[in-house]
């Protein structure tokens, strides 16, 4: 890949594709997607899912790649700068503060989940999560009121044991227990994961993020293929339960019945499908627009965007959809699945699947592979959440990467400890996730859609998308971005407010922790707004916005394609 003068750049086209795919392929692919699919009727859920992919996901991804490179070749890598280039209005940069806050807040709790995955992988290596090995799960079972008659433990008992183990592990019963509950090894793992993220971000774009993703994504796919192969060879592991077989598990996940099809009339099904597309592709997070800003104008973005999206969708639909729920169905049955509360992302990954690996031949090995795969997916995603703020601190205030990483490390460490300490009922985590990882994410996506379709303009957007393109994107996609996507987003937002906002406001009214969480969000957003104002003044003094239109007139070099 050609160099982009005056700053960092990707070293190869595959590098940026892997990095963007890494930011998208995360825990939600393997845990959240299968849980939502089953909650909303299995195969019937795929209709609103693919509608959201075609109307929201793919078009918005093209728009973010286009706007990111558009701002990047004009000298900006942060969302406040890029938005100001697209919309020459003093207010533009303040919308960019959202694109800085969203990934930063999400990182504060995402890194905890990332550390959970690594801790579970280690527990499978040591045997702590396999019954009958004298590990911690056996200690949990010993503390339960279970009749010891020498018989094999029932599925219900194991589900209860793994659920109790997970609740104790994350400190769900009492605030502070995740820190002061005698789990020193867990704190070492969390600290190591946190520092590993910052070690990667400190090394920069090409030497840190790109190298990590070039290793992590292939490793992730090798491990997921291995686990998938094991799941697809399960057959009927318990002859006494012939209905619990692989084909029935696949049908449970993918074959819609009349009751499942009725879910299409439920607005929550369409809302959750749209939300999953945002989570899985990373659109509306402010990450893609930052990553693509490091490209030159002759670098392809049309095919690269579609390739990154395809990698993510293959991972989610083919791996997440074929591994998690079919395997759980085979070993637990419908009753066991219901007992694990599948509408919870964490219940799928940390309650249902440990039961599966405990009953599976070779479960200790495949359990380690599964959770290490989740950790690999998570770290490729989490480093991407730090880069937008790093870019802003560097170009907005002229800070070196060491200083930027130190400031960001302090802020994110505070938020991480806050979520870790206030662990009872996961209220702090859920509050951050609802308001920032869901509500504000929808808002930012709507802002970016309007910026692209109505400010940058679909004619200019189409031209920018096709500079150096190896794929011809039909022009009707531009009309989708201008009219259909924002209409769909507004509808989703209205449904979101109607269905979910009331219960969340009720929680905030009753919970001091939820109120503190909202206060942190407000303070951080306010601080970023002030910093954005200061950076904007600096850019104006330096004349950073002068002559940028002329750059747009010099679009194509000899041999470049439109």
Protein backbone atom coordinates (compact mmCIF):
# COMPACT_ATOMS: atom_id res chain seq x y z
CA UNK A 1 0.00 0.00 0.00
CA UNK A 2 1.30 3.45 -0.85
CA UNK A 3 2.41 5.71 1.96
CA UNK A 4 0.29 8.54 3.28
CA UNK A 5 2.60 11.43 3.93
CA UNK A 6 2.62 13.33 7.18
CA UNK A 7 1.45 10.61 9.53
CA UNK A 8 0.74 6.95 10.16
CA UNK A 9 -0.58 4.59 7.53
CA UNK A 10 -1.49 0.98 6.97
CA UNK A 11 1.27 -1.09 5.42
CA UNK A 12 -1.02 -3.23 3.26
CA UNK A 13 -4.57 -3.45 2.00
CA UNK A 14 -5.02 -6.75 3.81
CA UNK A 15 -3.80 -5.08 6.98
CA UNK A 16 -6.58 -2.50 7.02
CA UNK A 17 -9.18 -5.14 6.09
CA UNK A 18 -8.00 -7.35 8.97
CA UNK A 19 -8.00 -4.38 11.34
CA UNK A 20 -11.55 -3.32 10.41
CA UNK A 21 -12.70 -6.95 10.54
CA UNK A 22 -10.99 -7.25 13.92
CA UNK A 23 -12.88 -4.22 15.21
CA UNK A 24 -16.13 -5.90 14.15
CA UNK A 25 -15.56 -9.60 14.89
CA UNK A 26 -15.98 -9.73 18.63
CA UNK A 27 -17.75 -11.44 21.48
CA UNK A 28 -21.16 -10.44 20.13
CA UNK A 29 -20.66 -12.60 17.03
CA UNK A 30 -20.45 -15.79 19.06
CA UNK A 31 -22.64 -14.99 22.05
CA UNK A 32 -25.07 -12.13 21.46
CA UNK A 33 -26.16 -13.11 17.94
CA UNK A 34 -27.11 -16.74 18.74
CA UNK A 35 -28.96 -15.67 21.88
CA UNK A 36 -31.00 -13.05 20.00
CA UNK A 37 -31.71 -15.50 17.19
CA UNK A 38 -33.17 -18.08 19.56
CA UNK A 39 -35.07 -15.46 21.57
CA UNK A 40 -36.77 -14.24 18.39
CA UNK A 41 -37.59 -17.49 16.70
CA UNK A 42 -34.36 -18.83 15.27
CA UNK A 43 -34.57 -18.79 11.49
CA UNK A 44 -37.34 -16.17 11.50
CA UNK A 45 -34.90 -13.71 13.09
CA UNK A 46 -32.70 -13.89 10.00
CA UNK A 47 -35.23 -11.94 7.87
CA UNK A 48 -35.05 -8.68 9.89
CA UNK A 49 -31.36 -9.36 10.43
CA UNK A 50 -30.56 -9.42 6.72
CA UNK A 51 -32.89 -6.49 6.04
CA UNK A 52 -30.91 -4.47 8.58
CA UNK A 53 -27.66 -5.69 7.03
CA UNK A 54 -28.70 -4.53 3.55
CA UNK A 55 -30.38 -1.27 4.57
CA UNK A 56 -28.14 -0.21 7.46
CA UNK A 57 -24.97 -2.26 7.76
CA UNK A 58 -23.43 -2.41 4.30
CA UNK A 59 -24.46 1.12 3.17
CA UNK A 60 -23.32 2.73 6.45
CA UNK A 61 -20.03 0.88 6.27
CA UNK A 62 -19.42 2.29 2.76
CA UNK A 63 -20.39 5.75 4.02
CA UNK A 64 -17.98 5.59 6.98
CA UNK A 65 -15.10 4.35 4.83
CA UNK A 66 -15.80 7.15 2.36
CA UNK A 67 -16.02 9.93 4.96
CA UNK A 68 -12.97 8.64 6.79
CA UNK A 69 -10.74 8.67 3.73
CA UNK A 70 -12.25 11.98 2.60
CA UNK A 71 -11.15 13.59 5.86
CA UNK A 72 -7.88 11.69 5.98
CA UNK A 73 -6.51 12.97 2.68
CA UNK A 74 -7.34 16.45 3.94
CA UNK A 75 -5.18 15.98 7.01
CA UNK A 76 -7.56 14.77 9.73
CA UNK A 77 -7.82 11.38 11.43
CA UNK A 78 -10.18 12.16 14.31
CA UNK A 79 -13.96 12.42 14.04
CA UNK A 80 -14.14 16.10 15.16
CA UNK A 81 -11.72 17.06 12.40
CA UNK A 82 -13.32 14.87 9.75
CA UNK A 83 -16.83 16.12 10.54
CA UNK A 84 -15.55 19.71 10.34
CA UNK A 85 -14.07 19.02 6.90
CA UNK A 86 -17.37 17.58 5.65
CA UNK A 87 -19.62 20.21 7.27
CA UNK A 88 -18.02 23.66 7.52
CA UNK A 89 -20.02 24.68 10.55
CA UNK A 90 -18.76 25.40 14.09
CA UNK A 91 -21.15 22.78 15.50
CA UNK A 92 -19.83 19.94 13.33
CA UNK A 93 -16.85 19.10 15.50
CA UNK A 94 -18.99 18.66 18.61
CA UNK A 95 -20.84 15.74 17.04
CA UNK A 96 -17.40 14.20 16.66
CA UNK A 97 -17.07 14.16 20.45
CA UNK A 98 -19.69 11.39 20.43
CA UNK A 99 -17.47 9.33 18.13
CA UNK A 100 -14.69 9.68 20.72
CA UNK A 101 -16.77 8.94 23.81
CA UNK A 102 -18.66 5.89 22.54
CA UNK A 103 -15.67 3.61 21.90
CA UNK A 104 -13.91 4.86 25.05
CA UNK A 105 -16.85 4.11 27.37
CA UNK A 106 -17.48 0.76 25.69
CA UNK A 107 -13.81 -0.13 26.20
CA UNK A 108 -14.18 0.44 29.95
CA UNK A 109 -16.48 -2.57 30.32
CA UNK A 110 -15.53 -4.53 27.21
CA UNK A 111 -12.00 -5.09 28.54
CA UNK A 112 -13.56 -6.76 31.60
CA UNK A 113 -15.46 -9.23 29.42
CA UNK A 114 -12.26 -9.77 27.44
CA UNK A 115 -10.46 -10.70 30.67
CA UNK A 116 -13.32 -13.03 31.62
CA UNK A 117 -12.71 -14.96 28.40
CA UNK A 118 -8.97 -15.30 29.03
CA UNK A 119 -9.60 -16.33 32.63
CA UNK A 120 -12.05 -19.03 31.52
CA UNK A 121 -9.53 -20.26 28.93
CA UNK A 122 -6.91 -20.59 31.68
CA UNK A 123 -9.44 -22.33 33.93
CA UNK A 124 -9.96 -24.96 31.23
CA UNK A 125 -6.21 -25.51 30.99
CA UNK A 126 -6.02 -26.07 34.74
CA UNK A 127 -9.22 -28.13 34.87
CA UNK A 128 -10.97 -25.71 37.25
CA UNK A 129 -14.07 -25.64 35.03
CA UNK A 130 -14.38 -29.40 34.52
CA UNK A 131 -16.42 -31.33 37.08
CA UNK A 132 -14.66 -34.24 38.74
CA UNK A 133 -11.21 -32.63 38.57
CA UNK A 134 -11.23 -31.17 42.07
CA UNK A 135 -11.25 -27.62 40.74
CA UNK A 136 -13.26 -24.55 41.66
CA UNK A 137 -16.44 -25.73 39.94
CA UNK A 138 -16.37 -28.84 42.16
CA UNK A 139 -15.98 -26.58 45.19
CA UNK A 140 -19.07 -24.66 44.07
CA UNK A 141 -21.04 -27.89 43.68
CA UNK A 142 -19.85 -29.07 47.11
CA UNK A 143 -21.28 -25.90 48.62
CA UNK A 144 -24.68 -26.46 47.02
CA UNK A 145 -27.54 -28.41 48.54
CA UNK A 146 -27.13 -31.41 46.24
CA UNK A 147 -27.84 -34.97 47.29
CA UNK A 148 -24.64 -37.01 46.97
CA UNK A 149 -25.90 -40.48 46.11
CA UNK A 150 -23.05 -41.35 43.74
CA UNK A 151 -25.17 -40.70 40.67
CA UNK A 152 -24.03 -38.46 37.85
CA UNK A 153 -24.94 -34.82 38.31
CA UNK A 154 -28.09 -33.77 36.46
CA UNK A 155 -28.06 -31.10 33.76
CA UNK A 156 -30.13 -28.83 36.00
CA UNK A 157 -27.58 -29.16 38.80
CA UNK A 158 -24.70 -28.35 36.46
CA UNK A 159 -26.54 -25.35 35.02
CA UNK A 160 -27.13 -24.05 38.53
CA UNK A 161 -23.49 -24.69 39.48
CA UNK A 162 -22.01 -22.92 36.46
CA UNK A 163 -24.45 -20.04 36.93
CA UNK A 164 -23.41 -19.67 40.57
CA UNK A 165 -19.74 -19.91 39.61
CA UNK A 166 -20.11 -17.12 37.06
CA UNK A 167 -22.07 -14.88 39.43
CA UNK A 168 -19.38 -15.28 42.09
CA UNK A 169 -16.65 -14.78 39.51
CA UNK A 170 -17.97 -11.38 38.33
CA UNK A 171 -19.16 -10.30 41.78
CA UNK A 172 -22.83 -10.16 40.81
CA UNK A 173 -23.98 -10.60 44.40
CA UNK A 174 -22.15 -7.74 46.11
CA UNK A 175 -20.35 -4.56 45.10
CA UNK A 176 -16.61 -4.81 45.60
CA UNK A 177 -16.49 -8.60 45.72
CA UNK A 178 -14.86 -8.81 42.28
CA UNK A 179 -11.92 -6.83 43.71
CA UNK A 180 -11.82 -7.84 47.37
CA UNK A 181 -13.19 -11.37 47.07
CA UNK A 182 -9.83 -13.11 47.26
CA UNK A 183 -9.43 -13.51 43.49
CA UNK A 184 -5.88 -12.22 43.14
CA UNK A 185 -5.19 -14.28 40.02
CA UNK A 186 -8.24 -12.75 38.31
CA UNK A 187 -6.99 -9.23 39.04
CA UNK A 188 -3.57 -10.12 37.60
CA UNK A 189 -5.27 -11.40 34.43
CA UNK A 190 -7.39 -8.25 34.12
CA UNK A 191 -4.39 -5.97 34.65
CA UNK A 192 -2.37 -7.93 32.09
CA UNK A 193 -5.15 -7.71 29.50
CA UNK A 194 -5.56 -3.98 30.12
CA UNK A 195 -1.82 -3.36 29.72
CA UNK A 196 -1.63 -5.58 26.63
CA UNK A 197 -4.22 -3.40 24.91
CA UNK A 198 -2.19 -0.28 25.65
CA UNK A 199 1.05 -1.95 24.61
CA UNK A 200 -0.51 -2.57 21.19
CA UNK A 201 -1.94 0.95 20.89
CA UNK A 202 1.36 2.48 22.03
CA UNK A 203 3.21 0.73 19.19
CA UNK A 204 1.06 2.57 16.70
CA UNK A 205 -1.17 1.80 13.78
CA UNK A 206 1.01 -0.46 11.65
CA UNK A 207 3.38 -1.89 14.28
CA UNK A 208 0.68 -2.37 16.91
CA UNK A 209 -2.91 -2.67 15.70
CA UNK A 210 -2.19 -4.02 12.22
CA UNK A 211 0.31 -6.64 13.40
CA UNK A 212 -2.03 -7.75 16.17
CA UNK A 213 -5.00 -8.16 13.81
CA UNK A 214 -2.90 -9.91 11.15
CA UNK A 215 -2.18 -12.56 13.79
CA UNK A 216 -5.43 -12.53 15.76
CA UNK A 217 -7.93 -12.92 12.90
CA UNK A 218 -6.29 -16.03 11.33
CA UNK A 219 -5.86 -17.59 14.80
CA UNK A 220 -9.50 -16.83 15.55
CA UNK A 221 -10.69 -18.57 12.40
CA UNK A 222 -8.46 -21.62 12.92
CA UNK A 223 -9.78 -22.08 16.46
CA UNK A 224 -13.41 -21.48 15.48
CA UNK A 225 -13.16 -23.97 12.60
CA UNK A 226 -11.73 -26.54 15.03
CA UNK A 227 -14.58 -26.03 17.51
CA UNK A 228 -17.12 -26.00 14.67
CA UNK A 229 -15.78 -29.32 13.36
CA UNK A 230 -16.18 -30.83 16.83
CA UNK A 231 -19.75 -29.55 17.13
CA UNK A 232 -20.72 -30.85 13.68
CA UNK A 233 -19.49 -34.33 14.66
CA UNK A 234 -21.55 -34.51 17.86
CA UNK A 235 -24.32 -36.65 16.39
CA UNK A 236 -26.45 -37.99 19.26
CA UNK A 237 -24.10 -38.08 22.25
CA UNK A 238 -26.72 -39.48 24.65
CA UNK A 239 -28.63 -42.44 23.10
CA UNK A 240 -31.18 -42.21 25.93
CA UNK A 241 -32.17 -38.78 24.57
CA UNK A 242 -32.51 -39.36 20.81
CA UNK A 243 -34.33 -36.06 20.25
CA UNK A 244 -31.25 -34.15 21.43
CA UNK A 245 -29.15 -34.59 18.31
CA UNK A 246 -27.16 -32.29 16.06
CA UNK A 247 -29.77 -32.02 13.31
CA UNK A 248 -32.46 -31.13 15.84
CA UNK A 249 -30.10 -28.53 17.30
CA UNK A 250 -29.52 -26.98 13.89
CA UNK A 251 -33.26 -27.00 13.22
CA UNK A 252 -33.88 -25.33 16.59
CA UNK A 253 -31.54 -22.54 15.53
CA UNK A 254 -32.37 -22.17 11.85
CA UNK A 255 -35.77 -23.70 11.02
CA UNK A 256 -38.62 -21.26 11.75
CA UNK A 257 -42.00 -22.62 12.82
CA UNK A 258 -45.36 -20.83 12.92
CA UNK A 259 -44.72 -19.49 16.41
CA UNK A 260 -41.30 -18.22 15.33
CA UNK A 261 -42.69 -16.52 12.22
CA UNK A 262 -45.16 -14.70 14.47
CA UNK A 263 -42.11 -13.01 16.01
CA UNK A 264 -41.87 -10.93 12.83
CA UNK A 265 -44.87 -8.96 14.09
CA UNK A 266 -42.95 -8.06 17.24
CA UNK A 267 -41.23 -4.63 16.92
CA UNK A 268 -38.57 -5.76 19.40
CA UNK A 269 -37.42 -8.41 16.90
CA UNK A 270 -36.67 -5.76 14.28
CA UNK A 271 -35.11 -3.48 16.87
CA UNK A 272 -32.80 -6.20 18.17
CA UNK A 273 -31.85 -7.20 14.62
CA UNK A 274 -30.86 -3.62 13.81
CA UNK A 275 -28.96 -3.35 17.07
CA UNK A 276 -27.06 -6.54 16.36
CA UNK A 277 -25.99 -5.24 12.94
CA UNK A 278 -24.56 -2.14 14.60
CA UNK A 279 -22.76 -4.18 17.24
CA UNK A 280 -21.38 -6.72 14.83
CA UNK A 281 -20.17 -4.37 12.06
CA UNK A 282 -19.00 -1.57 14.32
CA UNK A 283 -20.93 1.09 12.40
CA UNK A 284 -21.91 4.03 14.56
CA UNK A 285 -18.93 3.49 16.86
CA UNK A 286 -16.58 6.02 15.29
CA UNK A 287 -13.94 3.36 14.63
CA UNK A 288 -14.26 2.73 10.89
CA UNK A 289 -14.17 6.45 10.10
CA UNK A 290 -10.89 6.68 12.02
CA UNK A 291 -9.31 3.57 10.50
CA UNK A 292 -10.16 4.56 6.93
CA UNK A 293 -8.71 8.04 7.42
CA UNK A 294 -5.22 6.54 7.19
CA UNK A 295 -5.78 5.54 3.55
CA UNK A 296 -4.69 7.44 0.46
CA UNK A 297 -7.21 8.58 -2.13
CA UNK A 298 -6.12 5.94 -4.65
CA UNK A 299 -6.57 3.08 -2.16
CA UNK A 300 -9.67 0.96 -2.73
CA UNK A 301 -12.38 1.34 -0.11
CA UNK A 302 -15.44 -0.09 -1.92
CA UNK A 303 -14.22 -3.69 -2.09
CA UNK A 304 -12.23 -3.41 1.14
CA UNK A 305 -15.34 -2.37 3.05
CA UNK A 306 -17.40 -5.19 1.59
CA UNK A 307 -14.61 -7.70 2.29
CA UNK A 308 -14.35 -6.67 5.95
CA UNK A 309 -18.14 -6.88 6.26
CA UNK A 310 -18.17 -10.33 4.65
CA UNK A 311 -15.47 -11.64 7.00
CA UNK A 312 -17.52 -10.49 9.95
CA UNK A 313 -20.80 -11.91 8.65
CA UNK A 314 -19.18 -15.27 7.87
CA UNK A 315 -17.84 -15.36 11.40
CA UNK A 316 -21.19 -14.45 12.92
CA UNK A 317 -23.68 -16.39 10.84
CA UNK A 318 -21.63 -19.46 9.93
CA UNK A 319 -19.59 -19.86 13.11
CA UNK A 320 -21.64 -18.15 15.80
CA UNK A 321 -24.88 -19.56 14.42
CA UNK A 322 -23.59 -23.11 13.96
CA UNK A 323 -21.64 -23.55 17.18
CA UNK A 324 -23.26 -22.01 20.23
CA UNK A 325 -26.95 -22.92 20.21
CA UNK A 326 -26.80 -26.29 18.37
CA UNK A 327 -24.13 -27.51 20.80
CA UNK A 328 -26.09 -26.31 23.83
CA UNK A 329 -29.28 -27.92 22.49
CA UNK A 330 -27.57 -31.29 21.99
CA UNK A 331 -26.36 -31.52 25.57
CA UNK A 332 -28.98 -29.52 27.48
CA UNK A 333 -32.16 -29.85 25.44
CA UNK A 334 -34.89 -27.21 25.26
CA UNK A 335 -35.44 -27.29 29.01
CA UNK A 336 -31.75 -26.79 29.74
CA UNK A 337 -31.55 -23.93 27.28
CA UNK A 338 -34.51 -22.22 28.95
CA UNK A 339 -32.87 -22.66 32.35
CA UNK A 340 -29.79 -20.72 31.23
CA UNK A 341 -31.83 -17.61 30.32
CA UNK A 342 -30.66 -17.29 26.71
CA UNK A 343 -31.76 -13.71 26.36
CA UNK A 344 -28.63 -12.88 28.34
CA UNK A 345 -25.42 -12.69 26.30
CA UNK A 346 -23.39 -13.73 29.31
CA UNK A 347 -25.65 -16.69 30.10
CA UNK A 348 -24.99 -18.14 26.65
CA UNK A 349 -21.23 -17.85 26.92
CA UNK A 350 -20.54 -18.43 30.58
CA UNK A 351 -23.35 -20.72 31.75
CA UNK A 352 -24.67 -22.78 28.83
CA UNK A 353 -21.37 -23.48 27.07
CA UNK A 354 -19.42 -24.60 30.16
CA UNK A 355 -22.14 -27.23 30.58
CA UNK A 356 -21.57 -28.30 26.98
CA UNK A 357 -17.80 -28.61 27.34
CA UNK A 358 -18.19 -30.49 30.62
CA UNK A 359 -20.30 -33.15 28.88
CA UNK A 360 -18.38 -33.21 25.59
CA UNK A 361 -15.59 -35.65 24.80
CA UNK A 362 -12.42 -33.56 24.72
CA UNK A 363 -14.33 -30.76 26.40
CA UNK A 364 -11.34 -29.48 28.35
CA UNK A 365 -9.35 -28.89 25.15
CA UNK A 366 -12.26 -27.48 23.16
CA UNK A 367 -13.31 -25.32 26.10
CA UNK A 368 -9.84 -23.78 26.16
CA UNK A 369 -9.91 -23.27 22.38
CA UNK A 370 -13.35 -21.64 22.52
CA UNK A 371 -12.58 -19.13 25.24
CA UNK A 372 -9.14 -18.33 23.89
CA UNK A 373 -10.84 -17.71 20.54
CA UNK A 374 -13.26 -15.31 22.26
CA UNK A 375 -10.32 -13.56 23.90
CA UNK A 376 -8.58 -13.26 20.53
CA UNK A 377 -11.70 -11.77 18.97
CA UNK A 378 -12.16 -9.42 21.91
CA UNK A 379 -8.65 -7.97 21.94
CA UNK A 380 -8.74 -7.25 18.20
CA UNK A 381 -11.94 -5.31 18.86
CA UNK A 382 -10.84 -3.56 22.06
CA UNK A 383 -7.65 -2.02 20.66
CA UNK A 384 -9.77 -0.43 17.94
CA UNK A 385 -11.81 1.34 20.63
CA UNK A 386 -8.73 3.22 21.86
CA UNK A 387 -7.40 4.47 18.52
CA UNK A 388 -10.03 7.23 17.86
CA UNK A 389 -9.15 9.06 21.10
CA UNK A 390 -5.41 8.57 20.52
CA UNK A 391 -5.77 10.16 17.08
CA UNK A 392 -7.72 13.09 18.55
CA UNK A 393 -5.18 13.79 21.30
CA UNK A 394 -2.32 13.68 18.80
CA UNK A 395 -3.80 15.93 16.12
CA UNK A 396 -5.89 18.13 18.40
CA UNK A 397 -3.19 18.97 20.92
CA UNK A 398 0.07 17.88 19.31
CA UNK A 399 0.72 15.22 21.95
CA UNK A 400 3.14 12.37 21.37
CA UNK A 401 1.79 8.85 21.43
CA UNK A 402 3.33 8.13 24.85
CA UNK A 403 1.49 11.08 26.43
CA UNK A 404 -1.76 10.28 24.59
CA UNK A 405 -1.65 6.65 25.73
CA UNK A 406 -0.91 7.71 29.33
CA UNK A 407 -3.87 10.11 29.46
CA UNK A 408 -6.22 7.62 27.85
CA UNK A 409 -4.93 4.85 30.10
CA UNK A 410 -5.73 6.86 33.23
CA UNK A 411 -9.25 7.75 32.12
CA UNK A 412 -10.13 4.25 30.92
CA UNK A 413 -8.59 2.64 34.03
CA UNK A 414 -10.87 4.76 36.24
CA UNK A 415 -13.94 3.67 34.27
CA UNK A 416 -12.84 0.04 34.27
CA UNK A 417 -12.35 0.03 38.06
CA UNK A 418 -15.75 1.71 38.47
CA UNK A 419 -17.50 -1.06 36.53
CA UNK A 420 -15.41 -3.72 38.28
CA UNK A 421 -16.25 -2.43 41.77
CA UNK A 422 -19.97 -1.77 41.19
CA UNK A 423 -20.55 -5.32 40.00
CA UNK A 424 -23.75 -6.14 41.90
CA UNK A 425 -26.39 -7.02 39.34
CA UNK A 426 -24.06 -5.67 36.62
CA UNK A 427 -25.88 -2.33 36.97
CA UNK A 428 -22.88 -0.15 36.07
CA UNK A 429 -22.02 -2.31 33.07
CA UNK A 430 -25.62 -2.44 31.86
CA UNK A 431 -26.07 1.33 32.27
CA UNK A 432 -22.95 2.09 30.22
CA UNK A 433 -24.01 -0.44 27.60
CA UNK A 434 -27.57 0.87 27.29
CA UNK A 435 -26.89 4.60 27.10
CA UNK A 436 -23.57 4.58 25.26
CA UNK A 437 -23.23 1.20 23.57
CA UNK A 438 -26.81 1.28 22.27
CA UNK A 439 -28.69 4.60 22.46
CA UNK A 440 -25.84 7.00 21.59
CA UNK A 441 -24.56 4.54 19.01
CA UNK A 442 -27.88 4.80 17.15
CA UNK A 443 -27.71 8.59 17.47
CA UNK A 444 -24.18 8.75 16.04
CA UNK A 445 -25.14 6.49 13.15
CA UNK A 446 -28.02 8.84 12.33
CA UNK A 447 -25.67 11.86 12.48
CA UNK A 448 -23.21 10.17 10.14
CA UNK A 449 -25.96 9.18 7.71
CA UNK A 450 -27.15 12.80 7.51
CA UNK A 451 -23.58 14.07 7.14
CA UNK A 452 -22.99 11.70 4.25
CA UNK A 453 -26.30 11.87 2.43
CA UNK A 454 -27.26 15.50 2.99
CA UNK A 455 -24.04 17.42 3.67
CA UNK A 456 -21.27 15.69 1.77
CA UNK A 457 -23.91 14.77 -0.81
CA UNK A 458 -24.52 11.50 -2.58
CA UNK A 459 -22.95 12.66 -5.86
CA UNK A 460 -19.68 13.58 -4.21
CA UNK A 461 -19.95 10.54 -1.95
CA UNK A 462 -20.34 8.24 -4.95
CA UNK A 463 -17.29 9.79 -6.62
CA UNK A 464 -15.20 9.51 -3.45
CA UNK A 465 -16.23 5.89 -2.92
CA UNK A 466 -15.11 4.95 -6.44
CA UNK A 467 -11.69 6.58 -6.42
CA UNK A 468 -9.29 3.67 -6.84
CA UNK A 469 -12.20 1.27 -6.41
CA UNK A 470 -11.94 -2.39 -7.39
CA UNK A 471 -15.71 -2.73 -7.19
CA UNK A 472 -18.48 -0.78 -8.87
CA UNK A 473 -21.15 0.04 -6.29
CA UNK A 474 -24.53 0.70 -7.96
CA UNK A 475 -25.68 4.30 -7.69
CA UNK A 476 -29.00 3.32 -6.12
CA UNK A 477 -27.03 2.62 -2.92
CA UNK A 478 -26.59 6.39 -2.63
CA UNK A 479 -30.36 6.86 -2.64
CA UNK A 480 -30.62 4.18 0.03
CA UNK A 481 -28.12 6.12 2.15
CA UNK A 482 -29.89 9.43 1.63
CA UNK A 483 -33.49 8.36 2.14
CA UNK A 484 -33.98 4.76 3.26
CA UNK A 485 -31.21 4.41 5.85
CA UNK A 486 -32.07 7.55 7.86
CA UNK A 487 -35.78 6.71 7.72
CA UNK A 488 -35.06 3.19 8.98
CA UNK A 489 -32.78 4.58 11.70
CA UNK A 490 -35.38 7.09 12.89
CA UNK A 491 -37.97 4.31 13.03
CA UNK A 492 -35.58 2.14 15.05
CA UNK A 493 -34.89 5.02 17.43
CA UNK A 494 -38.61 5.62 17.98
CA UNK A 495 -39.15 1.91 18.64
CA UNK A 496 -36.14 1.88 20.97
CA UNK A 497 -37.51 4.78 23.01
CA UNK A 498 -40.98 3.27 23.08
CA UNK A 499 -39.90 -0.24 24.11
CA UNK A 500 -36.85 0.24 26.30
CA UNK A 501 -36.35 3.77 27.52
CA UNK A 502 -39.05 3.68 30.19
CA UNK A 503 -37.67 0.66 32.05
CA UNK A 504 -34.15 2.06 31.91
CA UNK A 505 -35.26 5.42 33.31
CA UNK A 506 -37.03 3.55 36.10
CA UNK A 507 -33.76 1.76 36.91
CA UNK A 508 -31.90 5.07 36.96
CA UNK A 509 -34.49 6.52 39.33
CA UNK A 510 -34.04 3.67 41.80
CA UNK A 511 -30.30 2.95 41.55
CA UNK A 512 -27.53 5.20 42.85
CA UNK A 513 -25.01 3.20 40.81
CA UNK A 514 -26.96 3.85 37.61
CA UNK A 515 -27.06 7.55 38.49
CA UNK A 516 -23.30 7.58 39.08
CA UNK A 517 -22.80 5.81 35.76
CA UNK A 518 -24.83 8.47 33.95
CA UNK A 519 -22.86 11.17 35.76
CA UNK A 520 -19.60 9.68 34.47
CA UNK A 521 -21.01 9.62 30.93
CA UNK A 522 -22.10 13.26 31.21
CA UNK A 523 -18.79 14.42 32.70
CA UNK A 524 -16.74 12.59 30.08
CA UNK A 525 -18.89 13.91 27.24
CA UNK A 526 -18.65 17.43 28.64
CA UNK A 527 -14.89 17.14 28.96
CA UNK A 528 -14.56 15.91 25.40
CA UNK A 529 -16.75 18.79 24.20
CA UNK A 530 -14.42 21.29 25.88
CA UNK A 531 -11.38 19.54 24.42
CA UNK A 532 -13.03 19.55 21.00
CA UNK A 533 -13.63 23.30 21.30
CA UNK A 534 -9.98 23.83 22.22
CA UNK A 535 -8.75 21.62 19.37
CA UNK A 536 -11.01 23.47 16.91
CA UNK A 537 -9.49 26.81 17.93
CA UNK A 538 -6.03 25.38 17.43
CA UNK A 539 -6.89 24.06 13.97
CA UNK A 540 -8.35 27.43 12.99
CA UNK A 541 -5.23 29.30 14.16
CA UNK A 542 -3.08 26.92 12.14
CA UNK A 543 -5.25 27.39 9.04
CA UNK A 544 -5.97 23.67 8.80
CA UNK A 545 -9.24 24.21 6.93
CA UNK A 546 -7.89 26.58 4.27
CA UNK A 547 -7.58 25.26 0.73
CA UNK A 548 -9.20 21.91 1.49
CA UNK A 549 -11.72 22.26 -1.35
CA UNK A 550 -8.82 22.42 -3.81
CA UNK A 551 -7.74 18.98 -2.66
CA UNK A 552 -11.11 17.69 -3.74
CA UNK A 553 -10.55 19.08 -7.22
CA UNK A 554 -7.33 17.11 -7.61
CA UNK A 555 -9.02 13.79 -7.23
CA UNK A 556 -7.67 11.47 -9.85
CA UNK A 557 -4.09 10.77 -10.79
CA UNK A 558 -3.16 9.16 -14.12
CA UNK A 559 -4.19 5.55 -14.13
CA UNK A 560 -6.61 5.90 -11.20
CA UNK A 561 -10.17 4.74 -11.62
CA UNK A 562 -13.33 6.45 -10.62
